[in-house]
Amino acid sequence: MTNIPSEELLSSYLKLWNNRQLRKKEQKPEEIVSELIRRELLDENAHPRTRKSSYEKFYLSITRLAESEALTADEKQVLLSLYIEEMKTLQK
């Protein structure tokens, strides 16, 4: 897997989800990306009545990632691995 600097990784994620708000500025960029992915998979950005399961959000997120024209193949690969890692963490 290609090693992308954490600042670029955060920038790549925000290209995919350009309306996401960052909560904690004192966190490291890789921690911010991990938190944003976790929030996305838990559907915390949606109203509680309209939330989807983490599996459905995973599928939708990965589909969006794969179809993105704003990201390079390396960025997609790294973000995909982060989504998989975070999904595994949520399933424990």
PDB file of N, CA and C in Angstrom:
ATOM      1  N   MET A   1       0.838  -1.170   0.000  1.00  0.00           N
ATOM      2  CA  MET A   1       0.000   0.000   0.000  1.00  0.00           C
ATOM      3  C   MET A   1       0.887   1.238   0.000  1.00  0.00           C
ATOM      4  N   THR A   2       0.485   2.230  -0.751  1.00  0.00           N
ATOM      5  CA  THR A   2       1.238   3.469  -0.845  1.00  0.00           C
ATOM      6  C   THR A   2       1.083   4.258   0.443  1.00  0.00           C
ATOM      7  N   ASN A   3       2.182   4.844   0.888  1.00  0.00           N
ATOM      8  CA  ASN A   3       2.147   5.643   2.101  1.00  0.00           C
ATOM      9  C   ASN A   3       1.865   7.094   1.732  1.00  0.00           C
ATOM     10  N   ILE A   4       0.702   7.571   2.095  1.00  0.00           N
ATOM     11  CA  ILE A   4       0.303   8.948   1.817  1.00  0.00           C
ATOM     12  C   ILE A   4       0.407   9.728   3.120  1.00  0.00           C
ATOM     13  N   PRO A   5       1.056  10.897   3.114  1.00  0.00           N
ATOM     14  CA  PRO A   5       1.140  11.704   4.337  1.00  0.00           C
ATOM     15  C   PRO A   5      -0.251  11.980   4.908  1.00  0.00           C
ATOM     16  N   SER A   6      -0.335  12.018   6.233  1.00  0.00           N
ATOM     17  CA  SER A   6      -1.633  12.130   6.892  1.00  0.00           C
ATOM     18  C   SER A   6      -2.406  13.393   6.507  1.00  0.00           C
ATOM     19  N   GLU A   7      -1.702  14.501   6.251  1.00  0.00           N
ATOM     20  CA  GLU A   7      -2.391  15.726   5.840  1.00  0.00           C
ATOM     21  C   GLU A   7      -3.052  15.536   4.473  1.00  0.00           C
ATOM     22  N   GLU A   8      -2.347  14.836   3.574  1.00  0.00           N
ATOM     23  CA  GLU A   8      -2.909  14.559   2.248  1.00  0.00           C
ATOM     24  C   GLU A   8      -4.064  13.572   2.339  1.00  0.00           C
ATOM     25  N   LEU A   9      -3.964  12.636   3.272  1.00  0.00           N
ATOM     26  CA  LEU A   9      -5.033  11.666   3.471  1.00  0.00           C
ATOM     27  C   LEU A   9      -6.312  12.369   3.931  1.00  0.00           C
ATOM     28  N   LEU A  10      -6.176  13.299   4.853  1.00  0.00           N
ATOM     29  CA  LEU A  10      -7.331  14.083   5.302  1.00  0.00           C
ATOM     30  C   LEU A  10      -7.903  14.885   4.145  1.00  0.00           C
ATOM     31  N   SER A  11      -7.047  15.483   3.361  1.00  0.00           N
ATOM     32  CA  SER A  11      -7.489  16.239   2.189  1.00  0.00           C
ATOM     33  C   SER A  11      -8.218  15.335   1.199  1.00  0.00           C
ATOM     34  N   SER A  12      -7.712  14.122   1.007  1.00  0.00           N
ATOM     35  CA  SER A  12      -8.353  13.160   0.105  1.00  0.00           C
ATOM     36  C   SER A  12      -9.744  12.793   0.605  1.00  0.00           C
ATOM     37  N   TYR A  13      -9.850  12.544   1.901  1.00  0.00           N
ATOM     38  CA  TYR A  13     -11.157  12.206   2.476  1.00  0.00           C
ATOM     39  C   TYR A  13     -12.140  13.355   2.273  1.00  0.00           C
ATOM     40  N   LEU A  14     -11.676  14.569   2.497  1.00  0.00           N
ATOM     41  CA  LEU A  14     -12.561  15.729   2.366  1.00  0.00           C
ATOM     42  C   LEU A  14     -12.945  15.998   0.914  1.00  0.00           C
ATOM     43  N   LYS A  15     -12.148  15.521  -0.048  1.00  0.00           N
ATOM     44  CA  LYS A  15     -12.552  15.611  -1.461  1.00  0.00           C
ATOM     45  C   LYS A  15     -13.770  14.727  -1.705  1.00  0.00           C
ATOM     46  N   LEU A  16     -13.784  13.600  -1.045  1.00  0.00           N
ATOM     47  CA  LEU A  16     -14.874  12.639  -1.191  1.00  0.00           C
ATOM     48  C   LEU A  16     -16.130  13.116  -0.462  1.00  0.00           C
ATOM     49  N   TRP A  17     -15.946  13.651   0.713  1.00  0.00           N
ATOM     50  CA  TRP A  17     -17.051  14.125   1.556  1.00  0.00           C
ATOM     51  C   TRP A  17     -16.791  15.595   1.877  1.00  0.00           C
ATOM     52  N   ASN A  18     -17.038  16.462   0.931  1.00  0.00           N
ATOM     53  CA  ASN A  18     -16.657  17.867   1.079  1.00  0.00           C
ATOM     54  C   ASN A  18     -17.521  18.661   2.048  1.00  0.00           C
ATOM     55  N   ASN A  19     -18.590  18.093   2.566  1.00  0.00           N
ATOM     56  CA  ASN A  19     -19.429  18.833   3.501  1.00  0.00           C
ATOM     57  C   ASN A  19     -19.238  18.391   4.945  1.00  0.00           C
ATOM     58  N   ARG A  20     -18.226  17.590   5.223  1.00  0.00           N
ATOM     59  CA  ARG A  20     -17.999  17.106   6.582  1.00  0.00           C
ATOM     60  C   ARG A  20     -17.326  18.175   7.428  1.00  0.00           C
ATOM     61  N   GLN A  21     -17.778  18.267   8.673  1.00  0.00           N
ATOM     62  CA  GLN A  21     -17.206  19.232   9.601  1.00  0.00           C
ATOM     63  C   GLN A  21     -16.204  18.527  10.508  1.00  0.00           C
ATOM     64  N   LEU A  22     -15.136  19.225  10.808  1.00  0.00           N
ATOM     65  CA  LEU A  22     -14.108  18.691  11.696  1.00  0.00           C
ATOM     66  C   LEU A  22     -14.391  19.183  13.102  1.00  0.00           C
ATOM     67  N   ARG A  23     -14.346  18.275  14.070  1.00  0.00           N
ATOM     68  CA  ARG A  23     -14.685  18.639  15.446  1.00  0.00           C
ATOM     69  C   ARG A  23     -13.479  19.100  16.257  1.00  0.00           C
ATOM     70  N   LYS A  24     -12.417  18.317  16.234  1.00  0.00           N
ATOM     71  CA  LYS A  24     -11.286  18.580  17.125  1.00  0.00           C
ATOM     72  C   LYS A  24     -10.056  18.965  16.325  1.00  0.00           C
ATOM     73  N   LYS A  25      -9.697  20.201  16.406  1.00  0.00           N
ATOM     74  CA  LYS A  25      -8.545  20.694  15.644  1.00  0.00           C
ATOM     75  C   LYS A  25      -7.219  20.221  16.233  1.00  0.00           C
ATOM     76  N   GLU A  26      -7.183  19.868  17.527  1.00  0.00           N
ATOM     77  CA  GLU A  26      -5.922  19.483  18.150  1.00  0.00           C
ATOM     78  C   GLU A  26      -5.533  18.033  17.859  1.00  0.00           C
ATOM     79  N   GLN A  27      -6.394  17.289  17.187  1.00  0.00           N
ATOM     80  CA  GLN A  27      -6.076  15.910  16.832  1.00  0.00           C
ATOM     81  C   GLN A  27      -5.123  15.859  15.642  1.00  0.00           C
ATOM     82  N   LYS A  28      -4.424  14.737  15.543  1.00  0.00           N
ATOM     83  CA  LYS A  28      -3.576  14.488  14.382  1.00  0.00           C
ATOM     84  C   LYS A  28      -4.478  14.194  13.186  1.00  0.00           C
ATOM     85  N   PRO A  29      -4.027  14.524  11.976  1.00  0.00           N
ATOM     86  CA  PRO A  29      -4.864  14.286  10.786  1.00  0.00           C
ATOM     87  C   PRO A  29      -5.336  12.841  10.640  1.00  0.00           C
ATOM     88  N   GLU A  30      -4.470  11.859  10.958  1.00  0.00           N
ATOM     89  CA  GLU A  30      -4.892  10.461  10.828  1.00  0.00           C
ATOM     90  C   GLU A  30      -5.986  10.104  11.837  1.00  0.00           C
ATOM     91  N   GLU A  31      -5.960  10.742  13.023  1.00  0.00           N
ATOM     92  CA  GLU A  31      -7.020  10.526  14.011  1.00  0.00           C
ATOM     93  C   GLU A  31      -8.328  11.152  13.539  1.00  0.00           C
ATOM     94  N   ILE A  32      -8.226  12.301  12.897  1.00  0.00           N
ATOM     95  CA  ILE A  32      -9.416  12.976  12.370  1.00  0.00           C
ATOM     96  C   ILE A  32     -10.062  12.120  11.287  1.00  0.00           C
ATOM     97  N   VAL A  33      -9.252  11.584  10.370  1.00  0.00           N
ATOM     98  CA  VAL A  33      -9.786  10.737   9.295  1.00  0.00           C
ATOM     99  C   VAL A  33     -10.464   9.507   9.898  1.00  0.00           C
ATOM    100  N   SER A  34      -9.831   8.887  10.871  1.00  0.00           N
ATOM    101  CA  SER A  34     -10.406   7.707  11.514  1.00  0.00           C
ATOM    102  C   SER A  34     -11.743   8.044  12.169  1.00  0.00           C
ATOM    103  N   GLU A  35     -11.800   9.168  12.861  1.00  0.00           N
ATOM    104  CA  GLU A  35     -13.052   9.590  13.499  1.00  0.00           C
ATOM    105  C   GLU A  35     -14.130   9.885  12.460  1.00  0.00           C
ATOM    106  N   LEU A  36     -13.761  10.555  11.380  1.00  0.00           N
ATOM    107  CA  LEU A  36     -14.733  10.866  10.328  1.00  0.00           C
ATOM    108  C   LEU A  36     -15.280   9.597   9.681  1.00  0.00           C
ATOM    109  N   ILE A  37     -14.423   8.625   9.448  1.00  0.00           N
ATOM    110  CA  ILE A  37     -14.868   7.355   8.862  1.00  0.00           C
ATOM    111  C   ILE A  37     -15.786   6.621   9.834  1.00  0.00           C
ATOM    112  N   ARG A  38     -15.416   6.594  11.108  1.00  0.00           N
ATOM    113  CA  ARG A  38     -16.258   5.944  12.117  1.00  0.00           C
ATOM    114  C   ARG A  38     -17.632   6.597  12.174  1.00  0.00           C
ATOM    115  N   ARG A  39     -17.665   7.933  12.195  1.00  0.00           N
ATOM    116  CA  ARG A  39     -18.941   8.658  12.219  1.00  0.00           C
ATOM    117  C   ARG A  39     -19.759   8.360  10.971  1.00  0.00           C
ATOM    118  N   GLU A  40     -19.087   8.237   9.831  1.00  0.00           N
ATOM    119  CA  GLU A  40     -19.791   7.924   8.585  1.00  0.00           C
ATOM    120  C   GLU A  40     -20.400   6.527   8.650  1.00  0.00           C
ATOM    121  N   LEU A  41     -19.628   5.552   9.121  1.00  0.00           N
ATOM    122  CA  LEU A  41     -20.130   4.180   9.190  1.00  0.00           C
ATOM    123  C   LEU A  41     -21.253   4.021  10.213  1.00  0.00           C
ATOM    124  N   LEU A  42     -21.222   4.814  11.264  1.00  0.00           N
ATOM    125  CA  LEU A  42     -22.297   4.781  12.260  1.00  0.00           C
ATOM    126  C   LEU A  42     -23.459   5.686  11.864  1.00  0.00           C
ATOM    127  N   ASP A  43     -23.318   6.368  10.738  1.00  0.00           N
ATOM    128  CA  ASP A  43     -24.347   7.255  10.182  1.00  0.00           C
ATOM    129  C   ASP A  43     -24.716   8.367  11.160  1.00  0.00           C
ATOM    130  N   GLU A  44     -23.733   8.873  11.891  1.00  0.00           N
ATOM    131  CA  GLU A  44     -23.965   9.926  12.874  1.00  0.00           C
ATOM    132  C   GLU A  44     -24.261  11.274  12.237  1.00  0.00           C
ATOM    133  N   ASN A  45     -24.065  11.385  10.934  1.00  0.00           N
ATOM    134  CA  ASN A  45     -24.338  12.645  10.245  1.00  0.00           C
ATOM    135  C   ASN A  45     -25.795  12.741   9.807  1.00  0.00           C
ATOM    136  N   ALA A  46     -26.563  11.686  10.043  1.00  0.00           N
ATOM    137  CA  ALA A  46     -27.974  11.663   9.647  1.00  0.00           C
ATOM    138  C   ALA A  46     -28.863  11.784  10.883  1.00  0.00           C
ATOM    139  N   HIS A  47     -30.100  12.156  10.648  1.00  0.00           N
ATOM    140  CA  HIS A  47     -31.085  12.203  11.727  1.00  0.00           C
ATOM    141  C   HIS A  47     -31.296  10.778  12.249  1.00  0.00           C
ATOM    142  N   PRO A  48     -31.458  10.597  13.564  1.00  0.00           N
ATOM    143  CA  PRO A  48     -31.602   9.244  14.120  1.00  0.00           C
ATOM    144  C   PRO A  48     -32.692   8.387  13.466  1.00  0.00           C
ATOM    145  N   ARG A  49     -33.767   8.981  13.025  1.00  0.00           N
ATOM    146  CA  ARG A  49     -34.849   8.197  12.408  1.00  0.00           C
ATOM    147  C   ARG A  49     -34.499   7.697  11.010  1.00  0.00           C
ATOM    148  N   THR A  50     -33.529   8.320  10.380  1.00  0.00           N
ATOM    149  CA  THR A  50     -33.189   7.934   9.003  1.00  0.00           C
ATOM    150  C   THR A  50     -31.866   7.181   8.900  1.00  0.00           C
ATOM    151  N   ARG A  51     -31.275   6.840  10.037  1.00  0.00           N
ATOM    152  CA  ARG A  51     -29.970   6.167  10.013  1.00  0.00           C
ATOM    153  C   ARG A  51     -30.054   4.780   9.396  1.00  0.00           C
ATOM    154  N   LYS A  52     -28.978   4.443   8.694  1.00  0.00           N
ATOM    155  CA  LYS A  52     -28.852   3.141   8.045  1.00  0.00           C
ATOM    156  C   LYS A  52     -27.892   2.279   8.861  1.00  0.00           C
ATOM    157  N   SER A  53     -27.886   0.997   8.586  1.00  0.00           N
ATOM    158  CA  SER A  53     -26.972   0.095   9.288  1.00  0.00           C
ATOM    159  C   SER A  53     -25.532   0.391   8.861  1.00  0.00           C
ATOM    160  N   SER A  54     -24.593  -0.030   9.681  1.00  0.00           N
ATOM    161  CA  SER A  54     -23.185   0.206   9.345  1.00  0.00           C
ATOM    162  C   SER A  54     -22.793  -0.558   8.079  1.00  0.00           C
ATOM    163  N   TYR A  55     -23.411  -1.704   7.830  1.00  0.00           N
ATOM    164  CA  TYR A  55     -23.116  -2.461   6.604  1.00  0.00           C
ATOM    165  C   TYR A  55     -23.589  -1.700   5.365  1.00  0.00           C
ATOM    166  N   GLU A  56     -24.781  -1.126   5.462  1.00  0.00           N
ATOM    167  CA  GLU A  56     -25.295  -0.351   4.332  1.00  0.00           C
ATOM    168  C   GLU A  56     -24.446   0.895   4.105  1.00  0.00           C
ATOM    169  N   LYS A  57     -24.055   1.565   5.188  1.00  0.00           N
ATOM    170  CA  LYS A  57     -23.209   2.754   5.064  1.00  0.00           C
ATOM    171  C   LYS A  57     -21.834   2.381   4.510  1.00  0.00           C
ATOM    172  N   PHE A  58     -21.313   1.226   4.909  1.00  0.00           N
ATOM    173  CA  PHE A  58     -20.035   0.763   4.380  1.00  0.00           C
ATOM    174  C   PHE A  58     -20.140   0.576   2.870  1.00  0.00           C
ATOM    175  N   TYR A  59     -21.181  -0.109   2.431  1.00  0.00           N
ATOM    176  CA  TYR A  59     -21.390  -0.334   0.998  1.00  0.00           C
ATOM    177  C   TYR A  59     -21.510   0.990   0.248  1.00  0.00           C
ATOM    178  N   LEU A  60     -22.327   1.900   0.759  1.00  0.00           N
ATOM    179  CA  LEU A  60     -22.523   3.187   0.089  1.00  0.00           C
ATOM    180  C   LEU A  60     -21.229   4.006   0.051  1.00  0.00           C
ATOM    181  N   SER A  61     -20.483   3.978   1.134  1.00  0.00           N
ATOM    182  CA  SER A  61     -19.226   4.732   1.205  1.00  0.00           C
ATOM    183  C   SER A  61     -18.183   4.173   0.245  1.00  0.00           C
ATOM    184  N   ILE A  62     -18.072   2.854   0.199  1.00  0.00           N
ATOM    185  CA  ILE A  62     -17.097   2.218  -0.688  1.00  0.00           C
ATOM    186  C   ILE A  62     -17.476   2.442  -2.147  1.00  0.00           C
ATOM    187  N   THR A  63     -18.764   2.405  -2.439  1.00  0.00           N
ATOM    188  CA  THR A  63     -19.224   2.679  -3.801  1.00  0.00           C
ATOM    189  C   THR A  63     -18.876   4.104  -4.198  1.00  0.00           C
ATOM    190  N   ARG A  64     -19.128   5.043  -3.304  1.00  0.00           N
ATOM    191  CA  ARG A  64     -18.797   6.446  -3.581  1.00  0.00           C
ATOM    192  C   ARG A  64     -17.296   6.609  -3.782  1.00  0.00           C
ATOM    193  N   LEU A  65     -16.527   5.945  -2.955  1.00  0.00           N
ATOM    194  CA  LEU A  65     -15.069   5.991  -3.056  1.00  0.00           C
ATOM    195  C   LEU A  65     -14.602   5.441  -4.406  1.00  0.00           C
ATOM    196  N   ALA A  66     -15.120   4.298  -4.794  1.00  0.00           N
ATOM    197  CA  ALA A  66     -14.711   3.664  -6.054  1.00  0.00           C
ATOM    198  C   ALA A  66     -15.080   4.507  -7.272  1.00  0.00           C
ATOM    199  N   GLU A  67     -16.212   5.189  -7.207  1.00  0.00           N
ATOM    200  CA  GLU A  67     -16.689   5.967  -8.349  1.00  0.00           C
ATOM    201  C   GLU A  67     -16.144   7.395  -8.393  1.00  0.00           C
ATOM    202  N   SER A  68     -15.407   7.791  -7.363  1.00  0.00           N
ATOM    203  CA  SER A  68     -14.889   9.156  -7.300  1.00  0.00           C
ATOM    204  C   SER A  68     -13.858   9.422  -8.395  1.00  0.00           C
ATOM    205  N   GLU A  69     -14.033  10.516  -9.081  1.00  0.00           N
ATOM    206  CA  GLU A  69     -13.062  10.938 -10.091  1.00  0.00           C
ATOM    207  C   GLU A  69     -12.074  11.954  -9.518  1.00  0.00           C
ATOM    208  N   ALA A  70     -12.332  12.410  -8.296  1.00  0.00           N
ATOM    209  CA  ALA A  70     -11.477  13.414  -7.665  1.00  0.00           C
ATOM    210  C   ALA A  70     -10.264  12.802  -6.969  1.00  0.00           C
ATOM    211  N   LEU A  71     -10.270  11.474  -6.800  1.00  0.00           N
ATOM    212  CA  LEU A  71      -9.191  10.806  -6.078  1.00  0.00           C
ATOM    213  C   LEU A  71      -8.341   9.956  -7.014  1.00  0.00           C
ATOM    214  N   THR A  72      -7.061   9.847  -6.674  1.00  0.00           N
ATOM    215  CA  THR A  72      -6.165   8.970  -7.427  1.00  0.00           C
ATOM    216  C   THR A  72      -6.383   7.526  -6.970  1.00  0.00           C
ATOM    217  N   ALA A  73      -5.844   6.591  -7.720  1.00  0.00           N
ATOM    218  CA  ALA A  73      -5.952   5.174  -7.354  1.00  0.00           C
ATOM    219  C   ALA A  73      -5.286   4.907  -6.005  1.00  0.00           C
ATOM    220  N   ASP A  74      -4.151   5.551  -5.748  1.00  0.00           N
ATOM    221  CA  ASP A  74      -3.460   5.374  -4.467  1.00  0.00           C
ATOM    222  C   ASP A  74      -4.302   5.898  -3.311  1.00  0.00           C
ATOM    223  N   GLU A  75      -4.919   7.065  -3.494  1.00  0.00           N
ATOM    224  CA  GLU A  75      -5.774   7.632  -2.446  1.00  0.00           C
ATOM    225  C   GLU A  75      -6.960   6.713  -2.174  1.00  0.00           C
ATOM    226  N   LYS A  76      -7.551   6.193  -3.232  1.00  0.00           N
ATOM    227  CA  LYS A  76      -8.681   5.274  -3.078  1.00  0.00           C
ATOM    228  C   LYS A  76      -8.263   4.023  -2.313  1.00  0.00           C
ATOM    229  N   GLN A  77      -7.104   3.490  -2.655  1.00  0.00           N
ATOM    230  CA  GLN A  77      -6.618   2.272  -2.010  1.00  0.00           C
ATOM    231  C   GLN A  77      -6.401   2.491  -0.512  1.00  0.00           C
ATOM    232  N   VAL A  78      -5.773   3.595  -0.154  1.00  0.00           N
ATOM    233  CA  VAL A  78      -5.504   3.877   1.254  1.00  0.00           C
ATOM    234  C   VAL A  78      -6.812   4.111   2.006  1.00  0.00           C
ATOM    235  N   LEU A  79      -7.714   4.899   1.434  1.00  0.00           N
ATOM    236  CA  LEU A  79      -8.992   5.154   2.095  1.00  0.00           C
ATOM    237  C   LEU A  79      -9.811   3.868   2.219  1.00  0.00           C
ATOM    238  N   LEU A  80      -9.777   3.022   1.210  1.00  0.00           N
ATOM    239  CA  LEU A  80     -10.487   1.749   1.275  1.00  0.00           C
ATOM    240  C   LEU A  80      -9.975   0.908   2.441  1.00  0.00           C
ATOM    241  N   SER A  81      -8.665   0.844   2.590  1.00  0.00           N
ATOM    242  CA  SER A  81      -8.098   0.057   3.691  1.00  0.00           C
ATOM    243  C   SER A  81      -8.493   0.648   5.043  1.00  0.00           C
ATOM    244  N   LEU A  82      -8.595   1.971   5.126  1.00  0.00           N
ATOM    245  CA  LEU A  82      -9.026   2.602   6.376  1.00  0.00           C
ATOM    246  C   LEU A  82     -10.493   2.302   6.675  1.00  0.00           C
ATOM    247  N   TYR A  83     -11.329   2.309   5.650  1.00  0.00           N
ATOM    248  CA  TYR A  83     -12.739   1.947   5.837  1.00  0.00           C
ATOM    249  C   TYR A  83     -12.859   0.503   6.333  1.00  0.00           C
ATOM    250  N   ILE A  84     -12.107  -0.404   5.727  1.00  0.00           N
ATOM    251  CA  ILE A  84     -12.153  -1.812   6.136  1.00  0.00           C
ATOM    252  C   ILE A  84     -11.680  -1.960   7.575  1.00  0.00           C
ATOM    253  N   GLU A  85     -10.584  -1.310   7.906  1.00  0.00           N
ATOM    254  CA  GLU A  85     -10.036  -1.364   9.263  1.00  0.00           C
ATOM    255  C   GLU A  85     -11.049  -0.837  10.281  1.00  0.00           C
ATOM    256  N   GLU A  86     -11.671   0.286   9.974  1.00  0.00           N
ATOM    257  CA  GLU A  86     -12.645   0.883  10.896  1.00  0.00           C
ATOM    258  C   GLU A  86     -13.887   0.004  11.021  1.00  0.00           C
ATOM    259  N   MET A  87     -14.322  -0.600   9.924  1.00  0.00           N
ATOM    260  CA  MET A  87     -15.488  -1.489   9.968  1.00  0.00           C
ATOM    261  C   MET A  87     -15.189  -2.702  10.841  1.00  0.00           C
ATOM    262  N   LYS A  88     -13.990  -3.253  10.730  1.00  0.00           N
ATOM    263  CA  LYS A  88     -13.599  -4.383  11.581  1.00  0.00           C
ATOM    264  C   LYS A  88     -13.630  -3.976  13.052  1.00  0.00           C
ATOM    265  N   THR A  89     -13.157  -2.777  13.350  1.00  0.00           N
ATOM    266  CA  THR A  89     -13.158  -2.276  14.723  1.00  0.00           C
ATOM    267  C   THR A  89     -14.581  -2.148  15.254  1.00  0.00           C
ATOM    268  N   LEU A  90     -15.482  -1.651  14.431  1.00  0.00           N
ATOM    269  CA  LEU A  90     -16.872  -1.476  14.857  1.00  0.00           C
ATOM    270  C   LEU A  90     -17.575  -2.810  15.082  1.00  0.00           C
ATOM    271  N   GLN A  91     -17.138  -3.855  14.407  1.00  0.00           N
ATOM    272  CA  GLN A  91     -17.801  -5.154  14.514  1.00  0.00           C
ATOM    273  C   GLN A  91     -17.326  -5.973  15.713  1.00  0.00           C
ATOM    274  N   LYS A  92     -16.314  -5.502  16.419  1.00  0.00           N
ATOM    275  CA  LYS A  92     -15.794  -6.237  17.594  1.00  0.00           C
ATOM    276  C   LYS A  92     -16.729  -6.107  18.767  1.00  0.00           C
TER     277      LYS A  92
END
